[in-house]
Amino acid sequence: MEEKKTQGFGWWDVAVYLSSVVAIVTCMCHFWWSPLGTISLALWSVAGAFAIFSVYGGIIERSQIQEAGMKKGRATAAAVIGCLILLGLALSATMYMAPLRLAYSGQLG
């Protein structure tokens, strides 16, 4: 009887995992610069894009995996991390960036 070997991680698995890592790093880094600065807004956008890809990739990957195990857990973790990053970015925009933008625009006009 032949033993069936499971396939290792493919490039899609690695891309989904790395997208969640990039989303975490850029989300944390966007707080280090001025909230109204170009770098902070660029990092905020990059974090959002990678978080969306992480959620999408995690859901797609989880639906294609037949057996439970590390691959399914990694796909679920990528989707959950993406959702948490999107929630953090939404809170950052509404409680951190928007009030500063309004305060700054009130000083000019």
N, C-alpha and C. Protein backbone atom coordinates (compact mmCIF):
# COMPACT_ATOMS: atom_id res chain seq x y z
N MET A 1 0.84 -1.17 0.00
CA MET A 1 0.00 0.00 0.00
C MET A 1 0.89 1.24 0.00
N GLU A 2 0.56 2.15 -0.87
CA GLU A 2 1.36 3.35 -1.03
C GLU A 2 0.91 4.44 -0.07
N GLU A 3 1.85 5.10 0.54
CA GLU A 3 1.52 6.18 1.45
C GLU A 3 1.47 7.50 0.69
N LYS A 4 0.41 8.23 0.89
CA LYS A 4 0.24 9.50 0.19
C LYS A 4 0.93 10.61 0.98
N LYS A 5 1.81 11.32 0.30
CA LYS A 5 2.52 12.42 0.94
C LYS A 5 1.74 13.71 0.71
N THR A 6 1.70 14.54 1.74
CA THR A 6 1.04 15.82 1.58
C THR A 6 1.99 16.80 0.91
N GLN A 7 1.41 17.66 0.12
CA GLN A 7 2.20 18.65 -0.60
C GLN A 7 2.61 19.76 0.36
N GLY A 8 3.82 20.24 0.18
CA GLY A 8 4.32 21.33 1.01
C GLY A 8 3.63 22.64 0.66
N PHE A 9 4.08 23.68 1.29
CA PHE A 9 3.50 24.99 1.03
C PHE A 9 3.88 25.47 -0.35
N GLY A 10 2.90 25.97 -1.08
CA GLY A 10 3.14 26.51 -2.41
C GLY A 10 3.37 28.00 -2.35
N TRP A 11 3.55 28.59 -3.50
CA TRP A 11 3.83 30.03 -3.55
C TRP A 11 2.61 30.84 -3.09
N TRP A 12 1.39 30.34 -3.34
CA TRP A 12 0.19 31.06 -2.90
C TRP A 12 0.11 31.08 -1.38
N ASP A 13 0.43 29.96 -0.73
CA ASP A 13 0.43 29.90 0.73
C ASP A 13 1.41 30.90 1.32
N VAL A 14 2.58 30.94 0.74
CA VAL A 14 3.62 31.86 1.22
C VAL A 14 3.21 33.31 0.97
N ALA A 15 2.60 33.59 -0.18
CA ALA A 15 2.17 34.95 -0.50
C ALA A 15 1.10 35.43 0.47
N VAL A 16 0.16 34.58 0.81
CA VAL A 16 -0.90 34.95 1.76
C VAL A 16 -0.30 35.21 3.13
N TYR A 17 0.62 34.35 3.56
CA TYR A 17 1.26 34.52 4.85
C TYR A 17 2.08 35.81 4.89
N LEU A 18 2.87 36.05 3.85
CA LEU A 18 3.70 37.25 3.81
C LEU A 18 2.86 38.52 3.71
N SER A 19 1.71 38.45 3.05
CA SER A 19 0.86 39.64 2.96
C SER A 19 0.34 40.02 4.34
N SER A 20 0.04 39.05 5.18
CA SER A 20 -0.40 39.39 6.53
C SER A 20 0.74 39.98 7.35
N VAL A 21 1.96 39.49 7.14
CA VAL A 21 3.12 40.05 7.84
C VAL A 21 3.38 41.49 7.39
N VAL A 22 3.32 41.74 6.08
CA VAL A 22 3.52 43.10 5.56
C VAL A 22 2.42 44.03 6.08
N ALA A 23 1.19 43.54 6.16
CA ALA A 23 0.09 44.36 6.68
C ALA A 23 0.33 44.75 8.13
N ILE A 24 0.81 43.82 8.93
CA ILE A 24 1.09 44.12 10.34
C ILE A 24 2.20 45.16 10.47
N VAL A 25 3.28 44.95 9.74
CA VAL A 25 4.44 45.85 9.85
C VAL A 25 4.08 47.26 9.38
N THR A 26 3.42 47.37 8.23
CA THR A 26 3.10 48.71 7.72
C THR A 26 2.03 49.39 8.57
N CYS A 27 1.12 48.62 9.15
CA CYS A 27 0.12 49.21 10.04
C CYS A 27 0.79 49.79 11.28
N MET A 28 1.73 49.07 11.85
CA MET A 28 2.42 49.58 13.03
C MET A 28 3.32 50.77 12.69
N CYS A 29 3.94 50.72 11.51
CA CYS A 29 4.86 51.80 11.13
C CYS A 29 4.15 53.10 10.80
N HIS A 30 2.90 53.06 10.42
CA HIS A 30 2.24 54.31 10.03
C HIS A 30 2.00 55.23 11.23
N PHE A 31 2.14 54.71 12.44
CA PHE A 31 2.01 55.56 13.63
C PHE A 31 3.29 56.32 13.94
N TRP A 32 4.41 55.96 13.35
CA TRP A 32 5.69 56.57 13.69
C TRP A 32 5.92 57.90 13.00
N TRP A 33 5.20 58.18 11.93
CA TRP A 33 5.35 59.43 11.23
C TRP A 33 4.17 60.33 11.53
N SER A 34 4.25 61.56 11.09
CA SER A 34 3.16 62.50 11.27
C SER A 34 1.89 61.94 10.64
N PRO A 35 0.76 61.97 11.35
CA PRO A 35 -0.45 61.34 10.82
C PRO A 35 -0.97 61.99 9.55
N LEU A 36 -0.59 63.21 9.29
CA LEU A 36 -1.03 63.87 8.06
C LEU A 36 0.06 63.90 7.00
N GLY A 37 1.18 63.25 7.27
CA GLY A 37 2.29 63.23 6.34
C GLY A 37 2.08 62.21 5.22
N THR A 38 2.85 62.40 4.17
CA THR A 38 2.74 61.53 3.00
C THR A 38 3.16 60.11 3.32
N ILE A 39 4.20 59.94 4.10
CA ILE A 39 4.68 58.59 4.42
C ILE A 39 3.64 57.83 5.24
N SER A 40 3.05 58.48 6.22
CA SER A 40 2.05 57.83 7.05
C SER A 40 0.83 57.41 6.22
N LEU A 41 0.38 58.29 5.34
CA LEU A 41 -0.77 57.95 4.50
C LEU A 41 -0.44 56.83 3.52
N ALA A 42 0.79 56.83 3.01
CA ALA A 42 1.20 55.75 2.10
C ALA A 42 1.26 54.42 2.83
N LEU A 43 1.83 54.42 4.04
CA LEU A 43 1.89 53.19 4.83
C LEU A 43 0.50 52.70 5.21
N TRP A 44 -0.41 53.63 5.51
CA TRP A 44 -1.78 53.28 5.84
C TRP A 44 -2.44 52.59 4.64
N SER A 45 -2.20 53.13 3.45
CA SER A 45 -2.77 52.55 2.23
C SER A 45 -2.18 51.18 1.92
N VAL A 46 -0.87 51.04 2.07
CA VAL A 46 -0.22 49.75 1.83
C VAL A 46 -0.72 48.71 2.82
N ALA A 47 -0.87 49.10 4.08
CA ALA A 47 -1.39 48.17 5.09
C ALA A 47 -2.80 47.72 4.73
N GLY A 48 -3.61 48.65 4.28
CA GLY A 48 -4.98 48.29 3.87
C GLY A 48 -5.01 47.34 2.70
N ALA A 49 -4.19 47.61 1.70
CA ALA A 49 -4.16 46.75 0.51
C ALA A 49 -3.69 45.34 0.86
N PHE A 50 -2.64 45.23 1.65
CA PHE A 50 -2.14 43.91 2.02
C PHE A 50 -3.10 43.19 2.98
N ALA A 51 -3.80 43.93 3.82
CA ALA A 51 -4.78 43.31 4.71
C ALA A 51 -5.95 42.75 3.90
N ILE A 52 -6.39 43.48 2.89
CA ILE A 52 -7.47 42.99 2.04
C ILE A 52 -7.03 41.74 1.30
N PHE A 53 -5.80 41.74 0.78
CA PHE A 53 -5.28 40.56 0.11
C PHE A 53 -5.15 39.39 1.08
N SER A 54 -4.77 39.67 2.31
CA SER A 54 -4.63 38.63 3.32
C SER A 54 -5.99 37.99 3.64
N VAL A 55 -7.01 38.82 3.77
CA VAL A 55 -8.36 38.29 4.03
C VAL A 55 -8.83 37.46 2.84
N TYR A 56 -8.70 38.02 1.66
CA TYR A 56 -9.14 37.32 0.45
C TYR A 56 -8.37 36.01 0.26
N GLY A 57 -7.06 36.07 0.35
CA GLY A 57 -6.24 34.88 0.17
C GLY A 57 -6.50 33.83 1.24
N GLY A 58 -6.70 34.26 2.48
CA GLY A 58 -6.97 33.32 3.55
C GLY A 58 -8.30 32.60 3.37
N ILE A 59 -9.32 33.33 2.93
CA ILE A 59 -10.63 32.71 2.70
C ILE A 59 -10.57 31.75 1.52
N ILE A 60 -9.93 32.17 0.43
CA ILE A 60 -9.81 31.31 -0.75
C ILE A 60 -9.01 30.06 -0.42
N GLU A 61 -7.89 30.24 0.26
CA GLU A 61 -7.03 29.10 0.59
C GLU A 61 -7.74 28.13 1.53
N ARG A 62 -8.45 28.66 2.51
CA ARG A 62 -9.16 27.80 3.46
C ARG A 62 -10.25 26.99 2.76
N SER A 63 -10.91 27.56 1.78
CA SER A 63 -11.98 26.84 1.09
C SER A 63 -11.43 25.73 0.20
N GLN A 64 -10.18 25.81 -0.21
CA GLN A 64 -9.60 24.81 -1.10
C GLN A 64 -8.90 23.67 -0.36
N ILE A 65 -8.63 23.83 0.91
CA ILE A 65 -7.91 22.80 1.67
C ILE A 65 -8.91 21.75 2.15
N GLN A 66 -8.62 20.50 1.88
CA GLN A 66 -9.51 19.41 2.24
C GLN A 66 -9.29 18.92 3.67
N GLU A 67 -8.04 18.77 4.06
CA GLU A 67 -7.75 18.20 5.37
C GLU A 67 -7.43 19.32 6.37
N ALA A 68 -7.68 19.02 7.62
CA ALA A 68 -7.34 19.99 8.67
C ALA A 68 -5.84 19.90 8.93
N GLY A 69 -5.31 20.90 9.49
CA GLY A 69 -3.88 20.87 9.82
C GLY A 69 -3.29 22.25 9.76
N MET A 70 -1.97 22.28 9.60
CA MET A 70 -1.25 23.54 9.65
C MET A 70 -1.62 24.45 8.48
N LYS A 71 -1.85 23.90 7.29
CA LYS A 71 -2.20 24.74 6.15
C LYS A 71 -3.53 25.45 6.38
N LYS A 72 -4.50 24.73 6.93
CA LYS A 72 -5.80 25.34 7.20
C LYS A 72 -5.69 26.38 8.31
N GLY A 73 -4.88 26.09 9.31
CA GLY A 73 -4.68 27.03 10.39
C GLY A 73 -3.98 28.30 9.93
N ARG A 74 -3.00 28.16 9.05
CA ARG A 74 -2.30 29.33 8.53
C ARG A 74 -3.22 30.19 7.68
N ALA A 75 -4.08 29.56 6.89
CA ALA A 75 -5.03 30.31 6.07
C ALA A 75 -6.04 31.04 6.94
N THR A 76 -6.50 30.39 7.99
CA THR A 76 -7.43 31.04 8.92
C THR A 76 -6.76 32.20 9.64
N ALA A 77 -5.52 32.00 10.06
CA ALA A 77 -4.79 33.07 10.74
C ALA A 77 -4.58 34.27 9.83
N ALA A 78 -4.28 34.04 8.56
CA ALA A 78 -4.09 35.15 7.62
C ALA A 78 -5.38 35.95 7.47
N ALA A 79 -6.52 35.26 7.38
CA ALA A 79 -7.80 35.96 7.25
C ALA A 79 -8.13 36.75 8.51
N VAL A 80 -7.90 36.16 9.67
CA VAL A 80 -8.18 36.84 10.94
C VAL A 80 -7.26 38.04 11.12
N ILE A 81 -5.99 37.88 10.83
CA ILE A 81 -5.04 38.99 10.95
C ILE A 81 -5.44 40.12 10.01
N GLY A 82 -5.83 39.78 8.79
CA GLY A 82 -6.28 40.80 7.84
C GLY A 82 -7.48 41.57 8.35
N CYS A 83 -8.44 40.86 8.96
CA CYS A 83 -9.62 41.54 9.52
C CYS A 83 -9.23 42.45 10.68
N LEU A 84 -8.33 41.99 11.53
CA LEU A 84 -7.89 42.82 12.66
C LEU A 84 -7.14 44.07 12.19
N ILE A 85 -6.33 43.91 11.16
CA ILE A 85 -5.61 45.07 10.62
C ILE A 85 -6.59 46.07 10.01
N LEU A 86 -7.59 45.59 9.27
CA LEU A 86 -8.60 46.48 8.70
C LEU A 86 -9.38 47.21 9.79
N LEU A 87 -9.69 46.51 10.87
CA LEU A 87 -10.37 47.16 11.99
C LEU A 87 -9.46 48.22 12.63
N GLY A 88 -8.19 47.89 12.81
CA GLY A 88 -7.24 48.86 13.36
C GLY A 88 -7.06 50.07 12.47
N LEU A 89 -7.02 49.86 11.16
CA LEU A 89 -6.89 50.98 10.24
C LEU A 89 -8.14 51.86 10.25
N ALA A 90 -9.30 51.25 10.38
CA ALA A 90 -10.53 52.03 10.46
C ALA A 90 -10.55 52.88 11.73
N LEU A 91 -10.15 52.29 12.84
CA LEU A 91 -10.08 53.05 14.08
C LEU A 91 -9.02 54.15 14.02
N SER A 92 -7.91 53.85 13.37
CA SER A 92 -6.85 54.84 13.21
C SER A 92 -7.35 56.03 12.39
N ALA A 93 -8.07 55.74 11.34
CA ALA A 93 -8.56 56.82 10.48
C ALA A 93 -9.61 57.67 11.18
N THR A 94 -10.50 57.05 11.95
CA THR A 94 -11.59 57.81 12.56
C THR A 94 -11.21 58.48 13.87
N MET A 95 -10.26 57.91 14.61
CA MET A 95 -9.94 58.47 15.93
C MET A 95 -8.58 59.16 15.98
N TYR A 96 -7.79 59.00 14.96
CA TYR A 96 -6.44 59.54 14.99
C TYR A 96 -6.19 60.50 13.84
N MET A 97 -6.47 60.08 12.63
CA MET A 97 -6.16 60.90 11.47
C MET A 97 -7.23 61.96 11.19
N ALA A 98 -8.49 61.58 11.24
CA ALA A 98 -9.57 62.52 10.92
C ALA A 98 -9.63 63.70 11.89
N PRO A 99 -9.56 63.49 13.21
CA PRO A 99 -9.59 64.66 14.11
C PRO A 99 -8.39 65.60 13.90
N LEU A 100 -7.23 65.06 13.62
CA LEU A 100 -6.08 65.92 13.36
C LEU A 100 -6.25 66.69 12.06
N ARG A 101 -6.81 66.04 11.05
CA ARG A 101 -7.06 66.70 9.77
C ARG A 101 -8.07 67.84 9.96
N LEU A 102 -9.12 67.60 10.73
CA LEU A 102 -10.11 68.65 10.99
C LEU A 102 -9.52 69.79 11.79
N ALA A 103 -8.72 69.48 12.78
CA ALA A 103 -8.08 70.53 13.58
C ALA A 103 -7.13 71.35 12.75
N TYR A 104 -6.38 70.68 11.86
CA TYR A 104 -5.43 71.38 11.01
C TYR A 104 -6.15 72.26 10.00
N SER A 105 -7.22 71.77 9.40
CA SER A 105 -7.95 72.57 8.41
C SER A 105 -8.68 73.72 9.08
N GLY A 106 -9.06 73.59 10.37
CA GLY A 106 -9.71 74.68 11.10
C GLY A 106 -8.75 75.82 11.38
N GLN A 107 -7.45 75.53 11.50
CA GLN A 107 -6.46 76.57 11.75
C GLN A 107 -6.20 77.39 10.49
N LEU A 108 -6.35 76.77 9.34
CA LEU A 108 -6.05 77.46 8.08
C LEU A 108 -7.18 78.37 7.64
N GLY A 109 -8.41 77.95 7.91
CA GLY A 109 -9.53 78.69 7.33
C GLY A 109 -10.24 79.45 8.35
